Amino acid sequence: MKLHADCIPCIVYVRYNELENIVKAEKSVEYLGYVLREFSNYILSGETNVTRIATNLFRLVKRLTGLEDPYRDFKHRANIDGLKVYKEVRRLLNTIANNRERLELAVKASLLGNALDLGVAGYTPPSLSELVEALHSLDVRGLENIDILERVYSKTVLYLLDNAGEAALDRLLAEELRRRGAVVVGVVKTGSFQNDVTVYEVEELELNESFSKIIETGTDASSIFLDEISQELRNHLEKTDIIIAKGMAHFEYLTDIKDIIGKPILYMLRAKCRPIARELGVQVGDFITHLYVPKRD
């Protein structure tokens, strides 16, 4: 997805907010100057993919502050809350016999988890109690797109995870797909990008109990940048039958290279900003599944 004018103040504000929380005021002004200069250079260089720019600017914040994971404490708290919701929704799922109802509830829980995001200016994540209360009445745009998940027996699903905390709720959908006979491979980041789940949170979230396998991206990029990812992930991209891509960053990147990958991609996210909402034809705040199916010769 290309950089929109709206993206510029959003990215700057998120980087500013990080610096304000990490360093003293006089340093935050200096460091923000470096961020603005580098941001300007990216725009003038012709780089237009919004999440590539966001990734490189977050890397700059990490270099300037000397912190490899500025969101570590937040992610730990989000994981604790996410696991509480996971256990509650799992008990509810186990009371449902209808397969379609189970799938829809697991998808809704996973989408609700995407509301736990600190990477968008002007967006305030809901509380734990608000998430649980919203589950039953959640309206999902494009819910019919999950039909592709009805036919996963003996297939491999590559599940691109997004935020910490949210990943606890992705366990519900992974378990449901494995119950239907799928092999579900979860993908986490090797290094930190904002509050996204990394290899260091896998044990805390007990992801190995719900996914067939967990692999790393080999990078700290916001998405699976093809020029940075590990050979292991490349191999899985070639062999997988379906990709589930959680969150806005994966949508922002994969929409540019979807034809290169050539696999069905089910995007699952909440449209938290106007550029994403415009791209998807929905309102800001909507929960949506969006399906890409490659053309066959």
C-alpha atoms as a PDB file:
ATOM      1  CA  MET A   1       0.000   0.000   0.000  1.00  0.00           C
ATOM      2  CA  LYS A   2       1.349   3.381  -1.003  1.00  0.00           C
ATOM      3  CA  LEU A   3       2.041   6.205   1.421  1.00  0.00           C
ATOM      4  CA  HIS A   4      -0.946   8.540   1.852  1.00  0.00           C
ATOM      5  CA  ALA A   5      -0.653  12.120   3.093  1.00  0.00           C
ATOM      6  CA  ASP A   6      -2.580  11.016   6.211  1.00  0.00           C
ATOM      7  CA  CYS A   7       0.192   8.495   6.967  1.00  0.00           C
ATOM      8  CA  ILE A   8       2.849  11.164   7.469  1.00  0.00           C
ATOM      9  CA  PRO A   9       1.532  12.796  10.684  1.00  0.00           C
ATOM     10  CA  CYS A  10       0.444   9.363  11.952  1.00  0.00           C
ATOM     11  CA  ILE A  11       3.913   7.819  11.650  1.00  0.00           C
ATOM     12  CA  VAL A  12       5.587  10.927  13.077  1.00  0.00           C
ATOM     13  CA  TYR A  13       3.224  11.016  16.059  1.00  0.00           C
ATOM     14  CA  VAL A  14       3.825   7.342  16.925  1.00  0.00           C
ATOM     15  CA  ARG A  15       7.613   7.828  16.793  1.00  0.00           C
ATOM     16  CA  TYR A  16       7.255  11.040  18.852  1.00  0.00           C
ATOM     17  CA  ASN A  17       5.175   9.233  21.454  1.00  0.00           C
ATOM     18  CA  GLU A  18       7.805   6.501  21.759  1.00  0.00           C
ATOM     19  CA  LEU A  19      10.602   9.019  22.257  1.00  0.00           C
ATOM     20  CA  GLU A  20       8.584  10.984  24.817  1.00  0.00           C
ATOM     21  CA  ASN A  21       8.163   7.822  26.874  1.00  0.00           C
ATOM     22  CA  ILE A  22      11.815   6.771  26.627  1.00  0.00           C
ATOM     23  CA  VAL A  23      14.116   9.806  26.809  1.00  0.00           C
ATOM     24  CA  LYS A  24      14.263  13.214  28.477  1.00  0.00           C
ATOM     25  CA  ALA A  25      12.464  16.111  26.807  1.00  0.00           C
ATOM     26  CA  GLU A  26      15.576  17.791  25.382  1.00  0.00           C
ATOM     27  CA  LYS A  27      16.740  14.512  23.846  1.00  0.00           C
ATOM     28  CA  SER A  28      13.318  13.738  22.426  1.00  0.00           C
ATOM     29  CA  VAL A  29      13.433  16.998  20.445  1.00  0.00           C
ATOM     30  CA  GLU A  30      16.876  16.154  19.077  1.00  0.00           C
ATOM     31  CA  TYR A  31      15.955  12.568  18.236  1.00  0.00           C
ATOM     32  CA  LEU A  32      12.674  13.572  16.639  1.00  0.00           C
ATOM     33  CA  GLY A  33      14.690  15.864  14.397  1.00  0.00           C
ATOM     34  CA  TYR A  34      16.662  12.833  13.189  1.00  0.00           C
ATOM     35  CA  VAL A  35      13.397  10.978  12.600  1.00  0.00           C
ATOM     36  CA  LEU A  36      11.935  13.852  10.575  1.00  0.00           C
ATOM     37  CA  ARG A  37      15.104  14.174   8.485  1.00  0.00           C
ATOM     38  CA  GLU A  38      15.184  10.446   7.720  1.00  0.00           C
ATOM     39  CA  PHE A  39      11.454  10.427   6.966  1.00  0.00           C
ATOM     40  CA  SER A  40      11.949  13.279   4.497  1.00  0.00           C
ATOM     41  CA  ASN A  41      14.830  11.415   2.848  1.00  0.00           C
ATOM     42  CA  TYR A  42      12.658   8.315   2.351  1.00  0.00           C
ATOM     43  CA  ILE A  43       9.892  10.346   0.737  1.00  0.00           C
ATOM     44  CA  LEU A  44      12.313  12.198  -1.531  1.00  0.00           C
ATOM     45  CA  SER A  45      14.081   8.953  -2.471  1.00  0.00           C
ATOM     46  CA  GLY A  46      10.877   7.570  -3.939  1.00  0.00           C
ATOM     47  CA  GLU A  47      10.165   4.955  -1.251  1.00  0.00           C
ATOM     48  CA  THR A  48       6.383   4.835  -1.082  1.00  0.00           C
ATOM     49  CA  ASN A  49       5.430   1.694   0.865  1.00  0.00           C
ATOM     50  CA  VAL A  50       4.075   2.998   4.143  1.00  0.00           C
ATOM     51  CA  THR A  51       5.054   0.082   6.346  1.00  0.00           C
ATOM     52  CA  ARG A  52       8.622  -0.094   4.988  1.00  0.00           C
ATOM     53  CA  ILE A  53       9.042   3.539   6.005  1.00  0.00           C
ATOM     54  CA  ALA A  54       7.486   2.895   9.441  1.00  0.00           C
ATOM     55  CA  THR A  55       9.838  -0.054   9.947  1.00  0.00           C
ATOM     56  CA  ASN A  56      12.963   1.923   9.111  1.00  0.00           C
ATOM     57  CA  LEU A  57      11.944   4.814  11.349  1.00  0.00           C
ATOM     58  CA  PHE A  58      11.287   2.434  14.261  1.00  0.00           C
ATOM     59  CA  ARG A  59      14.741   0.955  13.681  1.00  0.00           C
ATOM     60  CA  LEU A  60      16.116   4.490  13.957  1.00  0.00           C
ATOM     61  CA  VAL A  61      14.315   4.986  17.295  1.00  0.00           C
ATOM     62  CA  LYS A  62      15.864   1.755  18.575  1.00  0.00           C
ATOM     63  CA  ARG A  63      19.343   2.889  17.507  1.00  0.00           C
ATOM     64  CA  LEU A  64      18.956   6.354  19.009  1.00  0.00           C
ATOM     65  CA  THR A  65      17.632   5.147  22.365  1.00  0.00           C
ATOM     66  CA  GLY A  66      19.691   1.979  22.633  1.00  0.00           C
ATOM     67  CA  LEU A  67      16.519   0.005  23.403  1.00  0.00           C
ATOM     68  CA  GLU A  68      15.992  -3.130  21.351  1.00  0.00           C
ATOM     69  CA  ASP A  69      12.385  -3.535  22.527  1.00  0.00           C
ATOM     70  CA  PRO A  70      10.775  -0.265  23.724  1.00  0.00           C
ATOM     71  CA  TYR A  71       7.374  -1.975  24.099  1.00  0.00           C
ATOM     72  CA  ARG A  72       8.557  -4.922  26.227  1.00  0.00           C
ATOM     73  CA  ASP A  73       6.601  -4.033  29.393  1.00  0.00           C
ATOM     74  CA  PHE A  74       3.441  -3.202  27.456  1.00  0.00           C
ATOM     75  CA  LYS A  75       3.623  -6.484  25.572  1.00  0.00           C
ATOM     76  CA  HIS A  76       3.975  -8.440  28.803  1.00  0.00           C
ATOM     77  CA  ARG A  77       0.815  -6.818  30.221  1.00  0.00           C
ATOM     78  CA  ALA A  78      -1.040  -7.321  26.925  1.00  0.00           C
ATOM     79  CA  ASN A  79      -0.069 -10.999  26.917  1.00  0.00           C
ATOM     80  CA  ILE A  80      -1.460 -11.507  30.409  1.00  0.00           C
ATOM     81  CA  ASP A  81      -4.746  -9.858  29.428  1.00  0.00           C
ATOM     82  CA  GLY A  82      -4.890 -11.701  26.128  1.00  0.00           C
ATOM     83  CA  LEU A  83      -4.471 -15.072  27.821  1.00  0.00           C
ATOM     84  CA  LYS A  84      -7.360 -14.256  30.171  1.00  0.00           C
ATOM     85  CA  VAL A  85      -9.636 -13.576  27.198  1.00  0.00           C
ATOM     86  CA  TYR A  86      -8.330 -16.684  25.417  1.00  0.00           C
ATOM     87  CA  LYS A  87      -9.304 -18.933  28.331  1.00  0.00           C
ATOM     88  CA  GLU A  88     -12.747 -17.385  28.635  1.00  0.00           C
ATOM     89  CA  VAL A  89     -13.543 -17.623  24.909  1.00  0.00           C
ATOM     90  CA  ARG A  90     -12.130 -21.140  24.698  1.00  0.00           C
ATOM     91  CA  ARG A  91     -14.589 -22.271  27.378  1.00  0.00           C
ATOM     92  CA  LEU A  92     -17.384 -20.736  25.306  1.00  0.00           C
ATOM     93  CA  LEU A  93     -16.167 -22.385  22.090  1.00  0.00           C
ATOM     94  CA  ASN A  94     -16.188 -25.786  23.766  1.00  0.00           C
ATOM     95  CA  THR A  95     -19.947 -25.440  24.369  1.00  0.00           C
ATOM     96  CA  ILE A  96     -20.696 -24.917  20.646  1.00  0.00           C
ATOM     97  CA  ALA A  97     -21.370 -27.975  18.485  1.00  0.00           C
ATOM     98  CA  ASN A  98     -22.072 -26.226  15.161  1.00  0.00           C
ATOM     99  CA  ASN A  99     -18.850 -26.046  13.149  1.00  0.00           C
ATOM    100  CA  ARG A 100     -19.706 -22.820  11.320  1.00  0.00           C
ATOM    101  CA  GLU A 101     -20.617 -21.076  14.564  1.00  0.00           C
ATOM    102  CA  ARG A 102     -17.341 -22.208  16.115  1.00  0.00           C
ATOM    103  CA  LEU A 103     -15.358 -20.885  13.155  1.00  0.00           C
ATOM    104  CA  GLU A 104     -17.123 -17.526  13.170  1.00  0.00           C
ATOM    105  CA  LEU A 105     -16.600 -17.067  16.902  1.00  0.00           C
ATOM    106  CA  ALA A 106     -12.885 -17.944  16.600  1.00  0.00           C
ATOM    107  CA  VAL A 107     -12.501 -15.456  13.730  1.00  0.00           C
ATOM    108  CA  LYS A 108     -14.293 -12.734  15.698  1.00  0.00           C
ATOM    109  CA  ALA A 109     -12.096 -13.334  18.735  1.00  0.00           C
ATOM    110  CA  SER A 110      -8.992 -13.100  16.558  1.00  0.00           C
ATOM    111  CA  LEU A 111     -10.249  -9.872  14.992  1.00  0.00           C
ATOM    112  CA  LEU A 112     -11.056  -8.378  18.374  1.00  0.00           C
ATOM    113  CA  GLY A 113      -7.484  -9.061  19.377  1.00  0.00           C
ATOM    114  CA  ASN A 114      -6.380  -6.770  16.545  1.00  0.00           C
ATOM    115  CA  ALA A 115      -7.929  -3.904  18.509  1.00  0.00           C
ATOM    116  CA  LEU A 116      -4.950  -4.149  20.914  1.00  0.00           C
ATOM    117  CA  ASP A 117      -2.691  -1.770  18.976  1.00  0.00           C
ATOM    118  CA  LEU A 118      -0.508   1.181  19.991  1.00  0.00           C
ATOM    119  CA  GLY A 119       0.876   1.849  16.533  1.00  0.00           C
ATOM    120  CA  VAL A 120      -1.811   4.214  15.212  1.00  0.00           C
ATOM    121  CA  ALA A 121      -2.037   7.894  16.130  1.00  0.00           C
ATOM    122  CA  GLY A 122      -5.331   8.913  17.714  1.00  0.00           C
ATOM    123  CA  TYR A 123      -6.427   5.327  18.342  1.00  0.00           C
ATOM    124  CA  THR A 124      -7.079   4.091  21.893  1.00  0.00           C
ATOM    125  CA  PRO A 125      -7.230   0.303  22.411  1.00  0.00           C
ATOM    126  CA  PRO A 126     -10.286  -1.045  24.280  1.00  0.00           C
ATOM    127  CA  SER A 127     -10.026  -2.578  27.726  1.00  0.00           C
ATOM    128  CA  LEU A 128     -10.157  -6.315  28.421  1.00  0.00           C
ATOM    129  CA  SER A 129     -13.757  -6.158  29.651  1.00  0.00           C
ATOM    130  CA  GLU A 130     -14.809  -4.171  26.582  1.00  0.00           C
ATOM    131  CA  LEU A 131     -13.288  -6.818  24.306  1.00  0.00           C
ATOM    132  CA  VAL A 132     -15.172  -9.666  25.958  1.00  0.00           C
ATOM    133  CA  GLU A 133     -18.441  -7.738  25.934  1.00  0.00           C
ATOM    134  CA  ALA A 134     -18.070  -6.902  22.227  1.00  0.00           C
ATOM    135  CA  LEU A 135     -17.466 -10.487  21.107  1.00  0.00           C
ATOM    136  CA  HIS A 136     -21.073 -11.593  20.728  1.00  0.00           C
ATOM    137  CA  SER A 137     -22.325  -8.491  18.940  1.00  0.00           C
ATOM    138  CA  LEU A 138     -19.290  -7.931  16.713  1.00  0.00           C
ATOM    139  CA  ASP A 139     -20.158  -6.986  13.143  1.00  0.00           C
ATOM    140  CA  VAL A 140     -17.521  -8.168  10.667  1.00  0.00           C
ATOM    141  CA  ARG A 141     -17.383  -6.825   7.144  1.00  0.00           C
ATOM    142  CA  GLY A 142     -16.721  -9.543   4.583  1.00  0.00           C
ATOM    143  CA  LEU A 143     -17.371 -12.399   6.995  1.00  0.00           C
ATOM    144  CA  GLU A 144     -18.314 -14.582   4.022  1.00  0.00           C
ATOM    145  CA  ASN A 145     -14.622 -14.606   3.061  1.00  0.00           C
ATOM    146  CA  ILE A 146     -13.927 -17.100   5.839  1.00  0.00           C
ATOM    147  CA  ASP A 147     -15.584 -19.747   3.652  1.00  0.00           C
ATOM    148  CA  ILE A 148     -12.041 -20.482   2.475  1.00  0.00           C
ATOM    149  CA  LEU A 149     -11.279 -21.709   6.003  1.00  0.00           C
ATOM    150  CA  GLU A 150     -14.036 -24.310   5.772  1.00  0.00           C
ATOM    151  CA  ARG A 151     -11.916 -26.274   3.293  1.00  0.00           C
ATOM    152  CA  VAL A 152      -8.604 -26.676   5.095  1.00  0.00           C
ATOM    153  CA  TYR A 153      -8.504 -30.427   5.651  1.00  0.00           C
ATOM    154  CA  SER A 154      -4.956 -31.697   4.921  1.00  0.00           C
ATOM    155  CA  LYS A 155      -3.894 -28.168   3.863  1.00  0.00           C
ATOM    156  CA  THR A 156      -1.196 -25.923   5.318  1.00  0.00           C
ATOM    157  CA  VAL A 157      -2.102 -22.481   6.638  1.00  0.00           C
ATOM    158  CA  LEU A 158       0.667 -19.919   7.140  1.00  0.00           C
ATOM    159  CA  TYR A 159      -0.567 -17.610   9.909  1.00  0.00           C
ATOM    160  CA  LEU A 160       1.207 -14.227  10.040  1.00  0.00           C
ATOM    161  CA  LEU A 161       0.781 -13.016  13.604  1.00  0.00           C
ATOM    162  CA  ASP A 162       0.564  -9.351  14.552  1.00  0.00           C
ATOM    163  CA  ASN A 163       0.402  -7.798  18.027  1.00  0.00           C
ATOM    164  CA  ALA A 164       1.363  -9.274  21.371  1.00  0.00           C
ATOM    165  CA  GLY A 165      -1.781  -9.970  23.413  1.00  0.00           C
ATOM    166  CA  GLU A 166      -3.688 -10.362  20.161  1.00  0.00           C
ATOM    167  CA  ALA A 167      -1.660 -13.500  19.447  1.00  0.00           C
ATOM    168  CA  ALA A 168      -3.274 -15.200  22.458  1.00  0.00           C
ATOM    169  CA  LEU A 169      -6.626 -14.900  20.691  1.00  0.00           C
ATOM    170  CA  ASP A 170      -5.151 -16.103  17.405  1.00  0.00           C
ATOM    171  CA  ARG A 171      -4.577 -19.371  19.252  1.00  0.00           C
ATOM    172  CA  LEU A 172      -8.354 -19.947  19.158  1.00  0.00           C
ATOM    173  CA  LEU A 173      -8.501 -19.791  15.369  1.00  0.00           C
ATOM    174  CA  ALA A 174      -5.355 -21.897  15.003  1.00  0.00           C
ATOM    175  CA  GLU A 175      -6.881 -24.569  17.231  1.00  0.00           C
ATOM    176  CA  GLU A 176     -10.126 -24.509  15.281  1.00  0.00           C
ATOM    177  CA  LEU A 177      -8.316 -24.928  11.955  1.00  0.00           C
ATOM    178  CA  ARG A 178      -6.211 -27.789  13.313  1.00  0.00           C
ATOM    179  CA  ARG A 179      -9.413 -29.386  14.581  1.00  0.00           C
ATOM    180  CA  ARG A 180     -10.528 -29.350  10.928  1.00  0.00           C
ATOM    181  CA  GLY A 181      -7.382 -31.161   9.817  1.00  0.00           C
ATOM    182  CA  ALA A 182      -5.116 -28.247   8.842  1.00  0.00           C
ATOM    183  CA  VAL A 183      -1.449 -27.797   9.585  1.00  0.00           C
ATOM    184  CA  VAL A 184      -1.165 -24.272  11.008  1.00  0.00           C
ATOM    185  CA  VAL A 185       2.255 -22.600  11.020  1.00  0.00           C
ATOM    186  CA  GLY A 186       2.462 -19.426  13.110  1.00  0.00           C
ATOM    187  CA  VAL A 187       4.935 -16.725  12.072  1.00  0.00           C
ATOM    188  CA  VAL A 188       6.426 -14.332  14.638  1.00  0.00           C
ATOM    189  CA  LYS A 189       9.045 -11.617  14.245  1.00  0.00           C
ATOM    190  CA  THR A 190      12.657 -12.282  15.140  1.00  0.00           C
ATOM    191  CA  GLY A 191      13.256  -8.728  16.387  1.00  0.00           C
ATOM    192  CA  SER A 192      10.944  -6.084  17.787  1.00  0.00           C
ATOM    193  CA  PHE A 193       8.648  -3.862  15.759  1.00  0.00           C
ATOM    194  CA  GLN A 194       6.375  -1.750  17.949  1.00  0.00           C
ATOM    195  CA  ASN A 195       4.159  -4.024  20.071  1.00  0.00           C
ATOM    196  CA  ASP A 196       4.202  -6.963  17.641  1.00  0.00           C
ATOM    197  CA  VAL A 197       4.771 -10.475  18.939  1.00  0.00           C
ATOM    198  CA  THR A 198       8.337 -11.762  18.614  1.00  0.00           C
ATOM    199  CA  VAL A 199      10.084 -15.063  19.233  1.00  0.00           C
ATOM    200  CA  TYR A 200      10.688 -13.864  22.798  1.00  0.00           C
ATOM    201  CA  GLU A 201       6.947 -13.912  23.611  1.00  0.00           C
ATOM    202  CA  VAL A 202       6.222 -17.364  22.187  1.00  0.00           C
ATOM    203  CA  GLU A 203       6.709 -19.192  25.474  1.00  0.00           C
ATOM    204  CA  GLU A 204       4.803 -16.648  27.549  1.00  0.00           C
ATOM    205  CA  LEU A 205       1.818 -16.910  25.176  1.00  0.00           C
ATOM    206  CA  GLU A 206       2.105 -20.726  24.975  1.00  0.00           C
ATOM    207  CA  LEU A 207       1.767 -20.487  21.196  1.00  0.00           C
ATOM    208  CA  ASN A 208       3.319 -23.913  20.647  1.00  0.00           C
ATOM    209  CA  GLU A 209       0.316 -25.501  22.351  1.00  0.00           C
ATOM    210  CA  SER A 210      -2.064 -24.169  19.681  1.00  0.00           C
ATOM    211  CA  PHE A 211      -0.037 -23.991  16.457  1.00  0.00           C
ATOM    212  CA  SER A 212       1.433 -26.972  14.632  1.00  0.00           C
ATOM    213  CA  LYS A 213       4.708 -25.067  14.444  1.00  0.00           C
ATOM    214  CA  ILE A 214       6.066 -21.592  15.172  1.00  0.00           C
ATOM    215  CA  ILE A 215       8.712 -20.063  12.911  1.00  0.00           C
ATOM    216  CA  GLU A 216      10.521 -16.714  12.879  1.00  0.00           C
ATOM    217  CA  THR A 217      10.614 -14.158  10.094  1.00  0.00           C
ATOM    218  CA  GLY A 218      14.358 -13.702  10.435  1.00  0.00           C
ATOM    219  CA  THR A 219      13.921  -9.927  10.657  1.00  0.00           C
ATOM    220  CA  ASP A 220      12.469  -7.116  12.788  1.00  0.00           C
ATOM    221  CA  ALA A 221      10.454  -5.735   9.866  1.00  0.00           C
ATOM    222  CA  SER A 222       6.768  -4.940  10.301  1.00  0.00           C
ATOM    223  CA  SER A 223       5.878  -7.521   7.655  1.00  0.00           C
ATOM    224  CA  ILE A 224       7.536 -10.338   5.725  1.00  0.00           C
ATOM    225  CA  PHE A 225       9.787  -8.188   3.540  1.00  0.00           C
ATOM    226  CA  LEU A 226      10.939 -10.612   0.871  1.00  0.00           C
ATOM    227  CA  ASP A 227      14.433  -9.129   0.752  1.00  0.00           C
ATOM    228  CA  GLU A 228      14.911  -9.721   4.501  1.00  0.00           C
ATOM    229  CA  ILE A 229      13.131 -12.904   5.558  1.00  0.00           C
ATOM    230  CA  SER A 230      14.754 -16.218   6.449  1.00  0.00           C
ATOM    231  CA  GLN A 231      15.103 -19.132   4.042  1.00  0.00           C
ATOM    232  CA  GLU A 232      12.836 -21.157   6.317  1.00  0.00           C
ATOM    233  CA  LEU A 233      10.019 -18.651   5.872  1.00  0.00           C
ATOM    234  CA  ARG A 234      10.649 -18.539   2.113  1.00  0.00           C
ATOM    235  CA  ASN A 235      10.245 -22.309   1.986  1.00  0.00           C
ATOM    236  CA  HIS A 236       6.962 -22.122   3.861  1.00  0.00           C
ATOM    237  CA  LEU A 237       5.671 -19.368   1.568  1.00  0.00           C
ATOM    238  CA  GLU A 238       6.315 -21.614  -1.422  1.00  0.00           C
ATOM    239  CA  LYS A 239       4.620 -24.659   0.097  1.00  0.00           C
ATOM    240  CA  THR A 240       1.668 -23.173   1.972  1.00  0.00           C
ATOM    241  CA  ASP A 241      -1.887 -23.423   0.639  1.00  0.00           C
ATOM    242  CA  ILE A 242      -3.399 -20.386   2.398  1.00  0.00           C
ATOM    243  CA  ILE A 243      -1.988 -17.331   4.156  1.00  0.00           C
ATOM    244  CA  ILE A 244      -3.792 -15.609   7.022  1.00  0.00           C
ATOM    245  CA  ALA A 245      -2.382 -12.096   7.452  1.00  0.00           C
ATOM    246  CA  LYS A 246      -3.301 -10.284  10.659  1.00  0.00           C
ATOM    247  CA  GLY A 247      -3.167  -6.529  11.040  1.00  0.00           C
ATOM    248  CA  MET A 248      -2.606  -3.411   8.981  1.00  0.00           C
ATOM    249  CA  ALA A 249       1.162  -3.713   8.384  1.00  0.00           C
ATOM    250  CA  HIS A 250       0.790  -7.066   6.637  1.00  0.00           C
ATOM    251  CA  PHE A 251      -2.008  -5.609   4.509  1.00  0.00           C
ATOM    252  CA  GLU A 252       0.128  -2.557   3.671  1.00  0.00           C
ATOM    253  CA  TYR A 253       3.013  -4.726   2.491  1.00  0.00           C
ATOM    254  CA  LEU A 254       1.414  -7.839   1.029  1.00  0.00           C
ATOM    255  CA  THR A 255      -0.951  -5.913  -1.237  1.00  0.00           C
ATOM    256  CA  ASP A 256       2.174  -4.752  -3.103  1.00  0.00           C
ATOM    257  CA  ILE A 257       3.686  -8.228  -3.560  1.00  0.00           C
ATOM    258  CA  LYS A 258       0.648 -10.539  -3.505  1.00  0.00           C
ATOM    259  CA  ASP A 259       1.114 -11.541  -7.141  1.00  0.00           C
ATOM    260  CA  ILE A 260       4.717 -12.525  -6.455  1.00  0.00           C
ATOM    261  CA  ILE A 261       3.635 -14.819  -3.624  1.00  0.00           C
ATOM    262  CA  GLY A 262       0.758 -16.204  -5.685  1.00  0.00           C
ATOM    263  CA  LYS A 263      -1.185 -17.757  -2.797  1.00  0.00           C
ATOM    264  CA  PRO A 264      -4.664 -17.011  -1.423  1.00  0.00           C
ATOM    265  CA  ILE A 265      -4.369 -14.408   1.352  1.00  0.00           C
ATOM    266  CA  LEU A 266      -7.070 -13.842   3.950  1.00  0.00           C
ATOM    267  CA  TYR A 267      -6.471 -10.439   5.506  1.00  0.00           C
ATOM    268  CA  MET A 268      -7.957 -10.014   8.987  1.00  0.00           C
ATOM    269  CA  LEU A 269      -7.799  -6.605  10.611  1.00  0.00           C
ATOM    270  CA  ARG A 270      -9.498  -3.604  12.079  1.00  0.00           C
ATOM    271  CA  ALA A 271      -9.360  -0.511   9.874  1.00  0.00           C
ATOM    272  CA  LYS A 272      -7.893   1.921  12.403  1.00  0.00           C
ATOM    273  CA  CYS A 273      -7.109   4.803  10.050  1.00  0.00           C
ATOM    274  CA  ARG A 274      -8.577   6.549   7.017  1.00  0.00           C
ATOM    275  CA  PRO A 275      -6.051   5.321   4.398  1.00  0.00           C
ATOM    276  CA  ILE A 276      -6.689   1.661   5.294  1.00  0.00           C
ATOM    277  CA  ALA A 277     -10.441   2.232   5.424  1.00  0.00           C
ATOM    278  CA  ARG A 278     -10.368   3.883   1.989  1.00  0.00           C
ATOM    279  CA  GLU A 279      -8.285   1.064   0.495  1.00  0.00           C
ATOM    280  CA  LEU A 280     -10.774  -1.520   1.771  1.00  0.00           C
ATOM    281  CA  GLY A 281     -13.937   0.489   1.142  1.00  0.00           C
ATOM    282  CA  VAL A 282     -15.037   0.451   4.795  1.00  0.00           C
ATOM    283  CA  GLN A 283     -15.403   2.895   7.678  1.00  0.00           C
ATOM    284  CA  VAL A 284     -12.681   3.682  10.200  1.00  0.00           C
ATOM    285  CA  GLY A 285     -13.119   1.275  13.104  1.00  0.00           C
ATOM    286  CA  ASP A 286     -14.660  -1.537  11.055  1.00  0.00           C
ATOM    287  CA  PHE A 287     -13.497  -5.116  11.557  1.00  0.00           C
ATOM    288  CA  ILE A 288     -12.960  -6.808   8.219  1.00  0.00           C
ATOM    289  CA  THR A 289     -11.830  -9.938   6.449  1.00  0.00           C
ATOM    290  CA  HIS A 290     -10.617  -9.368   2.904  1.00  0.00           C
ATOM    291  CA  LEU A 291      -9.723 -12.215   0.565  1.00  0.00           C
ATOM    292  CA  TYR A 292      -7.193 -12.143  -2.246  1.00  0.00           C
ATOM    293  CA  VAL A 293      -7.238 -15.097  -4.631  1.00  0.00           C
ATOM    294  CA  PRO A 294      -4.519 -15.221  -7.322  1.00  0.00           C
ATOM    295  CA  LYS A 295      -5.529 -15.527 -10.922  1.00  0.00           C
ATOM    296  CA  ARG A 296      -4.692 -18.871 -12.513  1.00  0.00           C
ATOM    297  CA  ASP A 297      -3.449 -19.142 -16.088  1.00  0.00           C
END
